[in-house]
Amino acid sequence: MADFKTHTILGTGVGIGLSCLAVTGNFITLSGSVLAVFLSAVASALPDIDSDSGSPRKFALSALEILCPAILMVSFSKDFSLENLMLSGIAVFFVIRYPLGYLIDKATKHRGVWHSIPMALIASMIVYLVFCRSAFSSRIFFALIFFVCFLSHLILDEICSLKYFGLSVKKSFGTALKFSGSSWLQTVFMYIVIVILGGICLFEQVAGGK
């Protein structure tokens, strides 16, 4: 199984390559490419947020603790005072650090629901919705690069499950690149979330076009 360092190096490398192409094609700005590379690193580590080892979870949660308050402050900067925004950002930080971290620890297991293609799709749609104030091309690129780098983690895990040039496989083979969760309830819930998020994305785009 690939370790945290290998996953993040691969994901960041993919992010750098795709971001360079996107900047060259005027798809995103230079500053947007820097953010895209950061998102690539986060996406490549996110499937291991349920890992028993500390580094992947710590990195993923730390990234959320930075991004979520920042996005909150930018999104509602015109509606609330600076004091209220800062208090809200602090509250979001502690919610992610403690209740969310505890919930992930107790409600998930490694190579479970987070190691699945539906979860990659859910995460990428959330990224698309989060960057609602960005240009459409940037939103699409951020979501796409998040999906690709999330997927790179799953693919690398499956490659590492092969032994002896593919003549035999480890017990972990097939537990990363899958379309279901650890139980039928998780699987059904994931696909319901996908439908809901897909509908929100479509509605927002149609409404925005008007």
N, C-alpha and C. Protein backbone atom coordinates (compact mmCIF):
# COMPACT_ATOMS: atom_id res chain seq x y z
N MET A 1 0.85 -1.19 0.00
CA MET A 1 0.00 0.00 0.00
C MET A 1 0.88 1.25 0.00
N ALA A 2 0.56 2.20 -0.86
CA ALA A 2 1.33 3.43 -0.92
C ALA A 2 1.13 4.25 0.35
N ASP A 3 2.17 4.97 0.78
CA ASP A 3 2.06 5.76 1.99
C ASP A 3 1.59 7.18 1.68
N PHE A 4 1.43 7.95 2.74
CA PHE A 4 0.91 9.32 2.62
C PHE A 4 1.78 10.18 1.69
N LYS A 5 3.09 10.07 1.85
CA LYS A 5 4.01 10.87 1.05
C LYS A 5 3.88 10.56 -0.44
N THR A 6 3.79 9.27 -0.76
CA THR A 6 3.68 8.86 -2.16
C THR A 6 2.39 9.38 -2.79
N HIS A 7 1.29 9.26 -2.06
CA HIS A 7 -0.01 9.73 -2.56
C HIS A 7 0.02 11.24 -2.82
N THR A 8 0.54 12.00 -1.88
CA THR A 8 0.53 13.46 -2.03
C THR A 8 1.49 13.91 -3.13
N ILE A 9 2.62 13.24 -3.27
CA ILE A 9 3.56 13.60 -4.35
C ILE A 9 2.92 13.34 -5.71
N LEU A 10 2.27 12.18 -5.85
CA LEU A 10 1.60 11.87 -7.11
C LEU A 10 0.48 12.85 -7.41
N GLY A 11 -0.40 13.09 -6.41
CA GLY A 11 -1.52 14.00 -6.62
C GLY A 11 -1.07 15.41 -6.93
N THR A 12 -0.07 15.88 -6.20
CA THR A 12 0.44 17.23 -6.44
C THR A 12 1.09 17.34 -7.81
N GLY A 13 1.80 16.27 -8.21
CA GLY A 13 2.41 16.26 -9.54
C GLY A 13 1.36 16.33 -10.64
N VAL A 14 0.29 15.56 -10.48
CA VAL A 14 -0.81 15.61 -11.45
C VAL A 14 -1.44 17.00 -11.47
N GLY A 15 -1.61 17.57 -10.28
CA GLY A 15 -2.19 18.92 -10.18
C GLY A 15 -1.33 19.97 -10.86
N ILE A 16 -0.03 19.88 -10.68
CA ILE A 16 0.88 20.84 -11.32
C ILE A 16 0.80 20.73 -12.84
N GLY A 17 0.81 19.50 -13.32
CA GLY A 17 0.76 19.29 -14.77
C GLY A 17 -0.53 19.82 -15.39
N LEU A 18 -1.67 19.48 -14.78
CA LEU A 18 -2.95 19.93 -15.31
C LEU A 18 -3.12 21.44 -15.17
N SER A 19 -2.60 22.01 -14.07
CA SER A 19 -2.71 23.45 -13.87
C SER A 19 -1.89 24.22 -14.89
N CYS A 20 -0.72 23.70 -15.23
CA CYS A 20 0.11 24.35 -16.25
C CYS A 20 -0.60 24.36 -17.60
N LEU A 21 -1.24 23.24 -17.92
CA LEU A 21 -2.00 23.18 -19.17
C LEU A 21 -3.18 24.15 -19.15
N ALA A 22 -3.85 24.23 -18.00
CA ALA A 22 -5.02 25.11 -17.88
C ALA A 22 -4.63 26.58 -17.99
N VAL A 23 -3.51 26.96 -17.39
CA VAL A 23 -3.04 28.35 -17.48
C VAL A 23 -2.63 28.67 -18.91
N THR A 24 -1.95 27.74 -19.55
CA THR A 24 -1.53 27.94 -20.94
C THR A 24 -2.74 28.13 -21.86
N GLY A 25 -3.80 27.41 -21.58
CA GLY A 25 -5.01 27.52 -22.39
C GLY A 25 -5.96 28.60 -21.91
N ASN A 26 -5.51 29.46 -20.98
CA ASN A 26 -6.32 30.55 -20.44
C ASN A 26 -7.63 30.06 -19.82
N PHE A 27 -7.57 28.84 -19.25
CA PHE A 27 -8.75 28.28 -18.62
C PHE A 27 -8.89 28.78 -17.19
N ILE A 28 -7.75 28.98 -16.52
CA ILE A 28 -7.73 29.55 -15.17
C ILE A 28 -6.61 30.58 -15.09
N THR A 29 -6.65 31.39 -14.04
CA THR A 29 -5.61 32.38 -13.83
C THR A 29 -4.39 31.75 -13.14
N LEU A 30 -3.31 32.51 -13.07
CA LEU A 30 -2.10 32.01 -12.41
C LEU A 30 -2.37 31.74 -10.93
N SER A 31 -3.06 32.67 -10.27
CA SER A 31 -3.39 32.47 -8.85
C SER A 31 -4.33 31.29 -8.68
N GLY A 32 -5.22 31.10 -9.64
CA GLY A 32 -6.12 29.95 -9.60
C GLY A 32 -5.37 28.64 -9.72
N SER A 33 -4.27 28.65 -10.48
CA SER A 33 -3.48 27.43 -10.63
C SER A 33 -2.79 27.05 -9.33
N VAL A 34 -2.37 28.05 -8.56
CA VAL A 34 -1.75 27.77 -7.25
C VAL A 34 -2.77 27.12 -6.33
N LEU A 35 -3.98 27.65 -6.33
CA LEU A 35 -5.05 27.06 -5.51
C LEU A 35 -5.37 25.65 -5.99
N ALA A 36 -5.35 25.45 -7.30
CA ALA A 36 -5.65 24.13 -7.86
C ALA A 36 -4.62 23.09 -7.40
N VAL A 37 -3.36 23.49 -7.34
CA VAL A 37 -2.31 22.57 -6.88
C VAL A 37 -2.54 22.20 -5.41
N PHE A 38 -2.94 23.18 -4.60
CA PHE A 38 -3.24 22.90 -3.20
C PHE A 38 -4.43 21.94 -3.09
N LEU A 39 -5.46 22.16 -3.89
CA LEU A 39 -6.61 21.27 -3.89
C LEU A 39 -6.22 19.86 -4.33
N SER A 40 -5.26 19.78 -5.23
CA SER A 40 -4.78 18.48 -5.69
C SER A 40 -4.15 17.69 -4.55
N ALA A 41 -3.34 18.38 -3.76
CA ALA A 41 -2.70 17.73 -2.62
C ALA A 41 -3.75 17.26 -1.61
N VAL A 42 -4.75 18.11 -1.37
CA VAL A 42 -5.82 17.74 -0.42
C VAL A 42 -6.61 16.54 -0.94
N ALA A 43 -6.96 16.57 -2.22
CA ALA A 43 -7.74 15.48 -2.81
C ALA A 43 -6.98 14.16 -2.77
N SER A 44 -5.69 14.21 -3.00
CA SER A 44 -4.89 12.98 -3.02
C SER A 44 -4.74 12.37 -1.63
N ALA A 45 -4.93 13.17 -0.60
CA ALA A 45 -4.82 12.67 0.78
C ALA A 45 -6.18 12.35 1.38
N LEU A 46 -7.25 12.92 0.84
CA LEU A 46 -8.58 12.83 1.46
C LEU A 46 -9.09 11.40 1.65
N PRO A 47 -8.88 10.47 0.70
CA PRO A 47 -9.39 9.11 0.94
C PRO A 47 -8.85 8.46 2.20
N ASP A 48 -7.68 8.88 2.66
CA ASP A 48 -7.09 8.31 3.87
C ASP A 48 -7.44 9.09 5.12
N ILE A 49 -8.49 9.91 5.05
CA ILE A 49 -8.91 10.66 6.23
C ILE A 49 -9.44 9.71 7.31
N ASP A 50 -9.80 8.49 6.88
CA ASP A 50 -10.27 7.48 7.83
C ASP A 50 -9.16 6.52 8.25
N SER A 51 -7.91 6.87 7.90
CA SER A 51 -6.78 6.00 8.20
C SER A 51 -6.45 6.00 9.68
N ASP A 52 -5.91 4.89 10.15
CA ASP A 52 -5.50 4.80 11.54
C ASP A 52 -4.22 5.59 11.80
N SER A 53 -3.41 5.79 10.75
CA SER A 53 -2.19 6.58 10.91
C SER A 53 -2.53 8.06 10.97
N GLY A 54 -1.67 8.86 11.57
CA GLY A 54 -2.01 10.25 11.85
C GLY A 54 -1.85 11.22 10.71
N SER A 55 -0.87 11.04 9.85
CA SER A 55 -0.52 12.05 8.85
C SER A 55 -1.63 12.37 7.85
N PRO A 56 -2.23 11.37 7.18
CA PRO A 56 -3.28 11.70 6.21
C PRO A 56 -4.46 12.43 6.83
N ARG A 57 -4.93 11.94 7.97
CA ARG A 57 -6.08 12.56 8.62
C ARG A 57 -5.75 13.97 9.08
N LYS A 58 -4.57 14.13 9.67
CA LYS A 58 -4.16 15.44 10.16
C LYS A 58 -4.06 16.44 9.02
N PHE A 59 -3.48 16.02 7.90
CA PHE A 59 -3.34 16.92 6.75
C PHE A 59 -4.70 17.29 6.17
N ALA A 60 -5.56 16.29 5.96
CA ALA A 60 -6.87 16.54 5.37
C ALA A 60 -7.72 17.45 6.25
N LEU A 61 -7.75 17.16 7.54
CA LEU A 61 -8.53 17.99 8.46
C LEU A 61 -7.95 19.40 8.57
N SER A 62 -6.62 19.51 8.58
CA SER A 62 -5.99 20.84 8.65
C SER A 62 -6.34 21.67 7.42
N ALA A 63 -6.36 21.02 6.26
CA ALA A 63 -6.73 21.73 5.02
C ALA A 63 -8.17 22.22 5.10
N LEU A 64 -9.07 21.39 5.61
CA LEU A 64 -10.47 21.80 5.77
C LEU A 64 -10.60 22.93 6.78
N GLU A 65 -9.78 22.88 7.83
CA GLU A 65 -9.82 23.92 8.86
C GLU A 65 -9.37 25.27 8.30
N ILE A 66 -8.55 25.24 7.26
CA ILE A 66 -8.10 26.48 6.62
C ILE A 66 -9.11 26.95 5.57
N LEU A 67 -9.52 26.01 4.71
CA LEU A 67 -10.37 26.37 3.58
C LEU A 67 -11.78 26.78 3.99
N CYS A 68 -12.40 26.03 4.88
CA CYS A 68 -13.81 26.29 5.21
C CYS A 68 -14.03 27.66 5.85
N PRO A 69 -13.27 28.06 6.87
CA PRO A 69 -13.46 29.42 7.40
C PRO A 69 -13.16 30.51 6.37
N ALA A 70 -12.13 30.28 5.53
CA ALA A 70 -11.80 31.28 4.50
C ALA A 70 -12.94 31.43 3.51
N ILE A 71 -13.50 30.31 3.07
CA ILE A 71 -14.63 30.35 2.12
C ILE A 71 -15.84 31.01 2.76
N LEU A 72 -16.07 30.71 4.02
CA LEU A 72 -17.19 31.32 4.76
C LEU A 72 -17.05 32.84 4.80
N MET A 73 -15.86 33.31 5.11
CA MET A 73 -15.64 34.75 5.23
C MET A 73 -15.77 35.47 3.89
N VAL A 74 -15.31 34.82 2.83
CA VAL A 74 -15.42 35.42 1.50
C VAL A 74 -16.87 35.43 1.03
N SER A 75 -17.57 34.34 1.26
CA SER A 75 -18.94 34.20 0.76
C SER A 75 -19.92 35.16 1.44
N PHE A 76 -19.69 35.44 2.73
CA PHE A 76 -20.64 36.26 3.48
C PHE A 76 -20.04 37.59 3.94
N SER A 77 -18.98 38.01 3.28
CA SER A 77 -18.29 39.24 3.69
C SER A 77 -19.19 40.48 3.59
N LYS A 78 -20.16 40.46 2.69
CA LYS A 78 -21.04 41.62 2.50
C LYS A 78 -22.27 41.59 3.41
N ASP A 79 -22.50 40.44 4.04
CA ASP A 79 -23.73 40.28 4.80
C ASP A 79 -23.54 40.38 6.32
N PHE A 80 -22.31 40.17 6.78
CA PHE A 80 -22.06 40.16 8.22
C PHE A 80 -20.89 41.06 8.57
N SER A 81 -20.85 41.47 9.82
CA SER A 81 -19.74 42.29 10.28
C SER A 81 -18.47 41.44 10.39
N LEU A 82 -17.32 42.10 10.44
CA LEU A 82 -16.05 41.39 10.54
C LEU A 82 -16.00 40.54 11.80
N GLU A 83 -16.52 41.08 12.91
CA GLU A 83 -16.50 40.34 14.18
C GLU A 83 -17.29 39.05 14.07
N ASN A 84 -18.50 39.13 13.49
CA ASN A 84 -19.33 37.93 13.35
C ASN A 84 -18.71 36.92 12.41
N LEU A 85 -18.07 37.41 11.35
CA LEU A 85 -17.41 36.52 10.41
C LEU A 85 -16.25 35.77 11.08
N MET A 86 -15.49 36.51 11.89
CA MET A 86 -14.35 35.89 12.56
C MET A 86 -14.82 34.86 13.59
N LEU A 87 -15.89 35.19 14.32
CA LEU A 87 -16.43 34.24 15.29
C LEU A 87 -16.97 32.99 14.59
N SER A 88 -17.62 33.19 13.44
CA SER A 88 -18.14 32.06 12.67
C SER A 88 -17.00 31.19 12.16
N GLY A 89 -15.93 31.84 11.68
CA GLY A 89 -14.77 31.11 11.20
C GLY A 89 -14.12 30.28 12.30
N ILE A 90 -14.02 30.86 13.49
CA ILE A 90 -13.45 30.13 14.64
C ILE A 90 -14.33 28.94 15.01
N ALA A 91 -15.66 29.15 14.97
CA ALA A 91 -16.59 28.07 15.29
C ALA A 91 -16.46 26.93 14.29
N VAL A 92 -16.36 27.27 13.00
CA VAL A 92 -16.20 26.24 11.96
C VAL A 92 -14.90 25.47 12.17
N PHE A 93 -13.84 26.19 12.53
CA PHE A 93 -12.54 25.57 12.78
C PHE A 93 -12.64 24.49 13.86
N PHE A 94 -13.27 24.84 14.98
CA PHE A 94 -13.35 23.90 16.10
C PHE A 94 -14.32 22.75 15.80
N VAL A 95 -15.37 23.01 15.02
CA VAL A 95 -16.29 21.94 14.63
C VAL A 95 -15.57 20.90 13.79
N ILE A 96 -14.73 21.37 12.85
CA ILE A 96 -13.97 20.45 12.01
C ILE A 96 -12.91 19.73 12.82
N ARG A 97 -12.24 20.44 13.71
CA ARG A 97 -11.14 19.87 14.47
C ARG A 97 -11.61 18.76 15.42
N TYR A 98 -12.75 18.97 16.11
CA TYR A 98 -13.14 18.03 17.15
C TYR A 98 -14.37 17.17 16.80
N PRO A 99 -15.58 17.73 16.68
CA PRO A 99 -16.73 16.85 16.39
C PRO A 99 -16.59 16.08 15.08
N LEU A 100 -16.17 16.76 14.00
CA LEU A 100 -16.04 16.08 12.72
C LEU A 100 -14.95 15.01 12.76
N GLY A 101 -13.81 15.37 13.34
CA GLY A 101 -12.73 14.40 13.47
C GLY A 101 -13.15 13.17 14.27
N TYR A 102 -13.88 13.39 15.35
CA TYR A 102 -14.36 12.29 16.19
C TYR A 102 -15.36 11.44 15.43
N LEU A 103 -16.26 12.10 14.67
CA LEU A 103 -17.28 11.37 13.91
C LEU A 103 -16.64 10.49 12.84
N ILE A 104 -15.65 11.03 12.14
CA ILE A 104 -14.96 10.25 11.12
C ILE A 104 -14.25 9.06 11.74
N ASP A 105 -13.68 9.28 12.91
CA ASP A 105 -12.95 8.21 13.60
C ASP A 105 -13.89 7.07 14.00
N LYS A 106 -15.09 7.41 14.47
CA LYS A 106 -16.00 6.40 14.99
C LYS A 106 -16.91 5.80 13.93
N ALA A 107 -17.24 6.57 12.90
CA ALA A 107 -18.25 6.12 11.93
C ALA A 107 -17.67 5.50 10.66
N THR A 108 -16.37 5.57 10.49
CA THR A 108 -15.76 5.03 9.28
C THR A 108 -14.64 4.06 9.62
N LYS A 109 -14.29 3.27 8.63
CA LYS A 109 -13.12 2.39 8.76
C LYS A 109 -12.28 2.53 7.50
N HIS A 110 -10.98 2.21 7.63
CA HIS A 110 -10.07 2.39 6.51
C HIS A 110 -10.44 1.48 5.34
N ARG A 111 -10.29 2.02 4.14
CA ARG A 111 -10.68 1.36 2.90
C ARG A 111 -12.18 1.13 2.85
N GLY A 112 -12.93 2.01 3.52
CA GLY A 112 -14.38 1.92 3.50
C GLY A 112 -14.98 2.89 2.49
N VAL A 113 -15.94 3.68 2.95
CA VAL A 113 -16.70 4.54 2.06
C VAL A 113 -15.84 5.61 1.39
N TRP A 114 -14.78 6.05 2.06
CA TRP A 114 -13.94 7.10 1.48
C TRP A 114 -13.12 6.58 0.30
N HIS A 115 -12.89 5.30 0.25
CA HIS A 115 -12.17 4.72 -0.89
C HIS A 115 -13.19 4.21 -1.92
N SER A 116 -13.84 5.13 -2.59
CA SER A 116 -14.82 4.75 -3.60
C SER A 116 -14.96 5.87 -4.63
N ILE A 117 -15.36 5.48 -5.82
CA ILE A 117 -15.57 6.45 -6.90
C ILE A 117 -16.75 7.38 -6.60
N PRO A 118 -17.86 6.89 -6.04
CA PRO A 118 -18.95 7.81 -5.68
C PRO A 118 -18.51 8.91 -4.72
N MET A 119 -17.64 8.58 -3.76
CA MET A 119 -17.17 9.60 -2.83
C MET A 119 -16.30 10.63 -3.54
N ALA A 120 -15.54 10.19 -4.54
CA ALA A 120 -14.75 11.13 -5.34
C ALA A 120 -15.66 12.11 -6.08
N LEU A 121 -16.78 11.57 -6.58
CA LEU A 121 -17.74 12.42 -7.29
C LEU A 121 -18.42 13.40 -6.34
N ILE A 122 -18.78 12.93 -5.15
CA ILE A 122 -19.41 13.79 -4.14
C ILE A 122 -18.47 14.93 -3.76
N ALA A 123 -17.21 14.60 -3.50
CA ALA A 123 -16.23 15.61 -3.10
C ALA A 123 -16.03 16.65 -4.20
N SER A 124 -15.98 16.21 -5.44
CA SER A 124 -15.76 17.15 -6.55
C SER A 124 -16.96 18.07 -6.76
N MET A 125 -18.17 17.56 -6.55
CA MET A 125 -19.36 18.41 -6.68
C MET A 125 -19.43 19.43 -5.55
N ILE A 126 -19.00 19.03 -4.36
CA ILE A 126 -18.95 19.98 -3.25
C ILE A 126 -17.96 21.09 -3.56
N VAL A 127 -16.81 20.73 -4.14
CA VAL A 127 -15.82 21.74 -4.53
C VAL A 127 -16.42 22.69 -5.55
N TYR A 128 -17.17 22.16 -6.52
CA TYR A 128 -17.82 23.01 -7.52
C TYR A 128 -18.77 24.01 -6.86
N LEU A 129 -19.55 23.55 -5.90
CA LEU A 129 -20.53 24.43 -5.24
C LEU A 129 -19.85 25.43 -4.32
N VAL A 130 -18.76 25.03 -3.69
CA VAL A 130 -18.06 25.91 -2.76
C VAL A 130 -17.51 27.14 -3.47
N PHE A 131 -17.01 26.96 -4.68
CA PHE A 131 -16.42 28.08 -5.42
C PHE A 131 -17.47 28.77 -6.30
N CYS A 132 -18.61 29.06 -5.68
CA CYS A 132 -19.74 29.63 -6.42
C CYS A 132 -19.46 31.05 -6.93
N ARG A 133 -18.50 31.73 -6.32
CA ARG A 133 -18.21 33.10 -6.74
C ARG A 133 -17.07 33.17 -7.75
N SER A 134 -16.53 32.04 -8.11
CA SER A 134 -15.46 32.00 -9.10
C SER A 134 -16.05 31.90 -10.50
N ALA A 135 -15.21 32.14 -11.51
CA ALA A 135 -15.64 32.01 -12.89
C ALA A 135 -16.03 30.55 -13.17
N PHE A 136 -16.96 30.36 -14.09
CA PHE A 136 -17.46 29.02 -14.38
C PHE A 136 -16.33 28.08 -14.80
N SER A 137 -15.42 28.57 -15.63
CA SER A 137 -14.31 27.72 -16.07
C SER A 137 -13.43 27.31 -14.90
N SER A 138 -13.23 28.21 -13.94
CA SER A 138 -12.42 27.88 -12.77
C SER A 138 -13.13 26.85 -11.90
N ARG A 139 -14.43 27.01 -11.73
CA ARG A 139 -15.20 26.05 -10.92
C ARG A 139 -15.13 24.65 -11.52
N ILE A 140 -15.29 24.57 -12.82
CA ILE A 140 -15.22 23.28 -13.51
C ILE A 140 -13.84 22.66 -13.33
N PHE A 141 -12.82 23.49 -13.48
CA PHE A 141 -11.45 22.97 -13.38
C PHE A 141 -11.14 22.51 -11.95
N PHE A 142 -11.52 23.31 -10.96
CA PHE A 142 -11.28 22.91 -9.57
C PHE A 142 -11.96 21.59 -9.25
N ALA A 143 -13.21 21.44 -9.68
CA ALA A 143 -13.94 20.19 -9.44
C ALA A 143 -13.30 19.02 -10.17
N LEU A 144 -12.89 19.27 -11.41
CA LEU A 144 -12.29 18.21 -12.22
C LEU A 144 -10.95 17.76 -11.65
N ILE A 145 -10.11 18.71 -11.27
CA ILE A 145 -8.80 18.35 -10.75
C ILE A 145 -8.93 17.66 -9.39
N PHE A 146 -9.94 18.03 -8.62
CA PHE A 146 -10.17 17.37 -7.34
C PHE A 146 -10.57 15.92 -7.58
N PHE A 147 -11.45 15.70 -8.55
CA PHE A 147 -11.89 14.35 -8.86
C PHE A 147 -10.73 13.49 -9.36
N VAL A 148 -9.93 14.03 -10.27
CA VAL A 148 -8.82 13.28 -10.85
C VAL A 148 -7.79 12.91 -9.78
N CYS A 149 -7.45 13.86 -8.91
CA CYS A 149 -6.43 13.59 -7.89
C CYS A 149 -6.96 12.69 -6.78
N PHE A 150 -8.24 12.79 -6.46
CA PHE A 150 -8.87 11.84 -5.54
C PHE A 150 -8.78 10.44 -6.14
N LEU A 151 -9.08 10.36 -7.44
CA LEU A 151 -9.06 9.08 -8.14
C LEU A 151 -7.63 8.51 -8.22
N SER A 152 -6.65 9.40 -8.32
CA SER A 152 -5.26 8.94 -8.40
C SER A 152 -4.87 8.15 -7.14
N HIS A 153 -5.41 8.57 -6.00
CA HIS A 153 -5.16 7.85 -4.75
C HIS A 153 -5.72 6.43 -4.83
N LEU A 154 -6.95 6.31 -5.30
CA LEU A 154 -7.59 5.00 -5.38
C LEU A 154 -6.87 4.09 -6.37
N ILE A 155 -6.49 4.65 -7.51
CA ILE A 155 -5.81 3.86 -8.54
C ILE A 155 -4.46 3.37 -8.03
N LEU A 156 -3.72 4.26 -7.36
CA LEU A 156 -2.42 3.87 -6.83
C LEU A 156 -2.55 2.77 -5.78
N ASP A 157 -3.58 2.85 -4.95
CA ASP A 157 -3.81 1.80 -3.95
C ASP A 157 -4.05 0.45 -4.63
N GLU A 158 -4.81 0.47 -5.73
CA GLU A 158 -5.08 -0.78 -6.44
C GLU A 158 -3.82 -1.32 -7.11
N ILE A 159 -3.01 -0.43 -7.67
CA ILE A 159 -1.75 -0.86 -8.30
C ILE A 159 -0.85 -1.51 -7.26
N CYS A 160 -0.81 -0.93 -6.07
CA CYS A 160 0.03 -1.47 -5.00
C CYS A 160 -0.51 -2.78 -4.44
N SER A 161 -1.76 -3.11 -4.81
CA SER A 161 -2.34 -4.39 -4.36
C SER A 161 -1.90 -5.54 -5.25
N LEU A 162 -1.28 -5.23 -6.39
CA LEU A 162 -0.81 -6.27 -7.31
C LEU A 162 0.57 -6.75 -6.87
N LYS A 163 0.80 -8.04 -7.00
CA LYS A 163 2.10 -8.62 -6.67
C LYS A 163 2.61 -9.44 -7.85
N TYR A 164 3.91 -9.50 -7.93
CA TYR A 164 4.55 -10.35 -8.94
C TYR A 164 4.01 -10.07 -10.34
N PHE A 165 4.08 -8.78 -10.72
CA PHE A 165 3.70 -8.34 -12.05
C PHE A 165 2.25 -8.70 -12.39
N GLY A 166 1.41 -8.66 -11.37
CA GLY A 166 -0.02 -8.89 -11.61
C GLY A 166 -0.43 -10.34 -11.61
N LEU A 167 0.50 -11.28 -11.35
CA LEU A 167 0.16 -12.70 -11.34
C LEU A 167 -0.60 -13.10 -10.09
N SER A 168 -0.47 -12.30 -9.03
CA SER A 168 -1.24 -12.53 -7.82
C SER A 168 -1.58 -11.19 -7.20
N VAL A 169 -2.55 -11.19 -6.30
CA VAL A 169 -3.00 -9.94 -5.71
C VAL A 169 -3.05 -10.08 -4.19
N LYS A 170 -2.98 -8.93 -3.53
CA LYS A 170 -3.12 -8.90 -2.08
C LYS A 170 -4.61 -8.92 -1.70
N LYS A 171 -4.87 -9.14 -0.43
CA LYS A 171 -6.25 -9.16 0.05
C LYS A 171 -6.93 -7.81 -0.11
N SER A 172 -6.12 -6.73 -0.16
CA SER A 172 -6.69 -5.38 -0.27
C SER A 172 -7.14 -5.05 -1.68
N PHE A 173 -6.83 -5.92 -2.65
CA PHE A 173 -7.21 -5.63 -4.04
C PHE A 173 -8.72 -5.52 -4.17
N GLY A 174 -9.17 -4.45 -4.83
CA GLY A 174 -10.59 -4.23 -5.05
C GLY A 174 -11.28 -3.44 -3.96
N THR A 175 -10.55 -3.06 -2.91
CA THR A 175 -11.17 -2.33 -1.80
C THR A 175 -11.04 -0.81 -1.96
N ALA A 176 -10.32 -0.35 -2.97
CA ALA A 176 -10.13 1.10 -3.14
C ALA A 176 -10.96 1.63 -4.30
N LEU A 177 -10.78 1.06 -5.46
CA LEU A 177 -11.45 1.54 -6.66
C LEU A 177 -12.78 0.80 -6.82
N LYS A 178 -13.80 1.27 -6.10
CA LYS A 178 -15.09 0.57 -6.10
C LYS A 178 -16.23 1.58 -6.18
N PHE A 179 -17.43 1.06 -6.37
CA PHE A 179 -18.62 1.90 -6.53
C PHE A 179 -19.58 1.77 -5.36
N SER A 180 -19.13 1.23 -4.25
CA SER A 180 -20.01 1.03 -3.10
C SER A 180 -19.27 1.31 -1.81
N GLY A 181 -20.03 1.46 -0.72
CA GLY A 181 -19.45 1.67 0.59
C GLY A 181 -19.27 0.36 1.31
N SER A 182 -19.07 0.45 2.63
CA SER A 182 -18.84 -0.75 3.42
C SER A 182 -20.13 -1.52 3.69
N SER A 183 -21.26 -0.86 3.50
CA SER A 183 -22.56 -1.51 3.71
C SER A 183 -23.55 -0.98 2.69
N TRP A 184 -24.67 -1.69 2.56
CA TRP A 184 -25.68 -1.24 1.60
C TRP A 184 -26.26 0.11 1.99
N LEU A 185 -26.32 0.38 3.31
CA LEU A 185 -26.86 1.65 3.78
C LEU A 185 -25.95 2.81 3.37
N GLN A 186 -24.65 2.63 3.53
CA GLN A 186 -23.70 3.66 3.09
C GLN A 186 -23.79 3.87 1.58
N THR A 187 -23.93 2.78 0.85
CA THR A 187 -24.00 2.86 -0.61
C THR A 187 -25.23 3.63 -1.06
N VAL A 188 -26.37 3.29 -0.50
CA VAL A 188 -27.61 3.99 -0.85
C VAL A 188 -27.51 5.47 -0.50
N PHE A 189 -26.97 5.75 0.69
CA PHE A 189 -26.84 7.14 1.13
C PHE A 189 -25.93 7.93 0.19
N MET A 190 -24.82 7.32 -0.24
CA MET A 190 -23.90 8.00 -1.16
C MET A 190 -24.60 8.39 -2.46
N TYR A 191 -25.36 7.47 -3.02
CA TYR A 191 -26.00 7.75 -4.30
C TYR A 191 -27.15 8.75 -4.15
N ILE A 192 -27.80 8.76 -3.00
CA ILE A 192 -28.81 9.80 -2.75
C ILE A 192 -28.14 11.17 -2.70
N VAL A 193 -27.00 11.25 -2.02
CA VAL A 193 -26.25 12.51 -1.93
C VAL A 193 -25.81 12.96 -3.32
N ILE A 194 -25.37 12.01 -4.16
CA ILE A 194 -24.94 12.35 -5.52
C ILE A 194 -26.10 12.96 -6.31
N VAL A 195 -27.27 12.36 -6.20
CA VAL A 195 -28.45 12.89 -6.91
C VAL A 195 -28.80 14.29 -6.41
N ILE A 196 -28.78 14.48 -5.10
CA ILE A 196 -29.12 15.78 -4.52
C ILE A 196 -28.11 16.85 -4.95
N LEU A 197 -26.82 16.54 -4.82
CA LEU A 197 -25.79 17.51 -5.21
C LEU A 197 -25.82 17.78 -6.70
N GLY A 198 -26.06 16.74 -7.49
CA GLY A 198 -26.17 16.94 -8.94
C GLY A 198 -27.33 17.86 -9.28
N GLY A 199 -28.45 17.67 -8.60
CA GLY A 199 -29.60 18.54 -8.83
C GLY A 199 -29.33 19.97 -8.43
N ILE A 200 -28.62 20.16 -7.31
CA ILE A 200 -28.27 21.52 -6.87
C ILE A 200 -27.35 22.19 -7.88
N CYS A 201 -26.35 21.46 -8.35
CA CYS A 201 -25.41 22.01 -9.34
C CYS A 201 -26.14 22.40 -10.62
N LEU A 202 -27.04 21.54 -11.07
CA LEU A 202 -27.79 21.82 -12.30
C LEU A 202 -28.73 23.00 -12.11
N PHE A 203 -29.44 23.03 -10.99
CA PHE A 203 -30.36 24.13 -10.72
C PHE A 203 -29.63 25.45 -10.62
N GLU A 204 -28.49 25.44 -9.95
CA GLU A 204 -27.72 26.67 -9.80
C GLU A 204 -27.24 27.18 -11.14
N GLN A 205 -26.80 26.26 -11.99
CA GLN A 205 -26.31 26.67 -13.31
C GLN A 205 -27.43 27.23 -14.18
N VAL A 206 -28.58 26.56 -14.13
CA VAL A 206 -29.72 27.03 -14.92
C VAL A 206 -30.19 28.39 -14.39
N ALA A 207 -30.30 28.52 -13.07
CA ALA A 207 -30.75 29.77 -12.46
C ALA A 207 -29.75 30.89 -12.73
N GLY A 208 -28.46 30.56 -12.67
CA GLY A 208 -27.43 31.55 -12.95
C GLY A 208 -27.44 32.01 -14.39
N GLY A 209 -27.81 31.08 -15.28
CA GLY A 209 -27.86 31.43 -16.70
C GLY A 209 -28.97 32.41 -17.01
N LYS A 210 -30.01 32.38 -16.17
CA LYS A 210 -31.11 33.32 -16.38
C LYS A 210 -30.75 34.71 -15.88
